Amino acid sequence: MTSQEFINIFSEKLQISRTDLTVETKLDSLDEWDSWNKLALMTLLDEKFKINLTSKELGAIHTIKDIIVRIGDKVID
């Protein structure tokens, strides 16, 4: 999976209709980045990648790149 494919999945799951998302996008800059979408991200990572984030780990995620790093290069190129 490429980074762009992940961004597409991310935006679809969190219902973010922005076409300008990049790996450098700061999540706090998104109007949609609220507690519901944080939970949606945690669900996405669990269902698709079998990654369970703690609230502390979630707090350390600031950009889409941070999510990709957490998933690891085995899944995303």
C-alpha atoms as a PDB file:
ATOM      1  CA  MET A   1       0.000   0.000   0.000  1.00  0.00           C
ATOM      2  CA  THR A   2       1.315   3.441  -0.833  1.00  0.00           C
ATOM      3  CA  SER A   3       1.084   6.493   1.388  1.00  0.00           C
ATOM      4  CA  GLN A   4      -1.494   8.003  -0.979  1.00  0.00           C
ATOM      5  CA  GLU A   5      -3.647   4.860  -0.803  1.00  0.00           C
ATOM      6  CA  PHE A   6      -3.551   5.102   2.996  1.00  0.00           C
ATOM      7  CA  ILE A   7      -4.504   8.788   2.838  1.00  0.00           C
ATOM      8  CA  ASN A   8      -7.491   7.831   0.673  1.00  0.00           C
ATOM      9  CA  ILE A   9      -8.589   5.185   3.196  1.00  0.00           C
ATOM     10  CA  PHE A  10      -8.007   7.637   6.059  1.00  0.00           C
ATOM     11  CA  SER A  11     -10.091  10.382   4.451  1.00  0.00           C
ATOM     12  CA  GLU A  12     -12.893   7.982   3.534  1.00  0.00           C
ATOM     13  CA  LYS A  13     -13.110   6.356   6.973  1.00  0.00           C
ATOM     14  CA  LEU A  14     -13.011   9.694   8.791  1.00  0.00           C
ATOM     15  CA  GLN A  15     -15.294  11.311   6.194  1.00  0.00           C
ATOM     16  CA  ILE A  16     -12.832  14.070   5.416  1.00  0.00           C
ATOM     17  CA  SER A  17     -13.515  15.383   1.930  1.00  0.00           C
ATOM     18  CA  ARG A  18     -10.259  17.211   1.461  1.00  0.00           C
ATOM     19  CA  THR A  19      -8.197  16.498  -1.598  1.00  0.00           C
ATOM     20  CA  ASP A  20      -5.169  18.364  -0.277  1.00  0.00           C
ATOM     21  CA  LEU A  21      -4.265  15.840   2.442  1.00  0.00           C
ATOM     22  CA  THR A  22      -0.589  14.882   2.477  1.00  0.00           C
ATOM     23  CA  VAL A  23       1.630  12.949   4.848  1.00  0.00           C
ATOM     24  CA  GLU A  24       2.620  16.295   6.363  1.00  0.00           C
ATOM     25  CA  THR A  25      -0.965  17.347   7.149  1.00  0.00           C
ATOM     26  CA  LYS A  26      -1.274  18.261  10.818  1.00  0.00           C
ATOM     27  CA  LEU A  27      -4.305  16.505  12.237  1.00  0.00           C
ATOM     28  CA  ASP A  28      -5.105  19.386  14.607  1.00  0.00           C
ATOM     29  CA  SER A  29      -5.500  21.635  11.563  1.00  0.00           C
ATOM     30  CA  LEU A  30      -8.464  19.559  10.349  1.00  0.00           C
ATOM     31  CA  ASP A  31     -11.891  20.777  11.432  1.00  0.00           C
ATOM     32  CA  GLU A  32     -12.995  17.137  11.439  1.00  0.00           C
ATOM     33  CA  TRP A  33     -10.284  16.032  13.893  1.00  0.00           C
ATOM     34  CA  ASP A  34     -12.435  15.513  16.968  1.00  0.00           C
ATOM     35  CA  SER A  35     -12.969  12.743  19.507  1.00  0.00           C
ATOM     36  CA  TRP A  36     -15.244  10.803  17.138  1.00  0.00           C
ATOM     37  CA  ASN A  37     -12.636  10.780  14.397  1.00  0.00           C
ATOM     38  CA  LYS A  38      -9.891   9.887  16.840  1.00  0.00           C
ATOM     39  CA  LEU A  39     -11.995   6.863  17.744  1.00  0.00           C
ATOM     40  CA  ALA A  40     -12.592   6.183  14.027  1.00  0.00           C
ATOM     41  CA  LEU A  41      -8.824   6.246  13.455  1.00  0.00           C
ATOM     42  CA  MET A  42      -8.272   3.802  16.298  1.00  0.00           C
ATOM     43  CA  THR A  43     -10.950   1.531  14.806  1.00  0.00           C
ATOM     44  CA  LEU A  44      -9.420   1.789  11.326  1.00  0.00           C
ATOM     45  CA  LEU A  45      -5.970   0.848  12.584  1.00  0.00           C
ATOM     46  CA  ASP A  46      -7.367  -2.072  14.561  1.00  0.00           C
ATOM     47  CA  GLU A  47      -9.563  -3.462  11.788  1.00  0.00           C
ATOM     48  CA  LYS A  48      -7.232  -2.939   8.831  1.00  0.00           C
ATOM     49  CA  PHE A  49      -3.771  -3.278  10.378  1.00  0.00           C
ATOM     50  CA  LYS A  50      -4.360  -5.093  13.704  1.00  0.00           C
ATOM     51  CA  ILE A  51      -2.808  -2.182  15.610  1.00  0.00           C
ATOM     52  CA  ASN A  52      -4.310  -1.212  18.954  1.00  0.00           C
ATOM     53  CA  LEU A  53      -3.416   2.332  19.978  1.00  0.00           C
ATOM     54  CA  THR A  54      -3.474   3.451  23.563  1.00  0.00           C
ATOM     55  CA  SER A  55      -4.646   6.963  24.341  1.00  0.00           C
ATOM     56  CA  LYS A  56      -1.016   7.890  25.049  1.00  0.00           C
ATOM     57  CA  GLU A  57       0.060   6.593  21.630  1.00  0.00           C
ATOM     58  CA  LEU A  58      -2.814   8.451  19.995  1.00  0.00           C
ATOM     59  CA  GLY A  59      -1.684  11.638  21.742  1.00  0.00           C
ATOM     60  CA  ALA A  60       1.744  11.259  20.126  1.00  0.00           C
ATOM     61  CA  ILE A  61       0.242  11.264  16.622  1.00  0.00           C
ATOM     62  CA  HIS A  62       0.273  14.740  15.108  1.00  0.00           C
ATOM     63  CA  THR A  63       0.467  14.159  11.347  1.00  0.00           C
ATOM     64  CA  ILE A  64      -0.635  11.553   8.853  1.00  0.00           C
ATOM     65  CA  LYS A  65       3.041  10.609   8.565  1.00  0.00           C
ATOM     66  CA  ASP A  66       3.029   9.763  12.287  1.00  0.00           C
ATOM     67  CA  ILE A  67       0.205   7.293  11.608  1.00  0.00           C
ATOM     68  CA  ILE A  68       2.119   5.772   8.699  1.00  0.00           C
ATOM     69  CA  VAL A  69       5.250   5.416  10.843  1.00  0.00           C
ATOM     70  CA  ARG A  70       3.169   3.681  13.528  1.00  0.00           C
ATOM     71  CA  ILE A  71       1.797   1.237  10.953  1.00  0.00           C
ATOM     72  CA  GLY A  72       5.283   0.538   9.709  1.00  0.00           C
ATOM     73  CA  ASP A  73       6.983   0.050   6.384  1.00  0.00           C
ATOM     74  CA  LYS A  74       5.813  -3.558   6.131  1.00  0.00           C
ATOM     75  CA  VAL A  75       2.398  -2.287   5.134  1.00  0.00           C
ATOM     76  CA  ILE A  76       3.008   1.139   3.616  1.00  0.00           C
ATOM     77  CA  ASP A  77       5.766   1.975   1.151  1.00  0.00           C
END
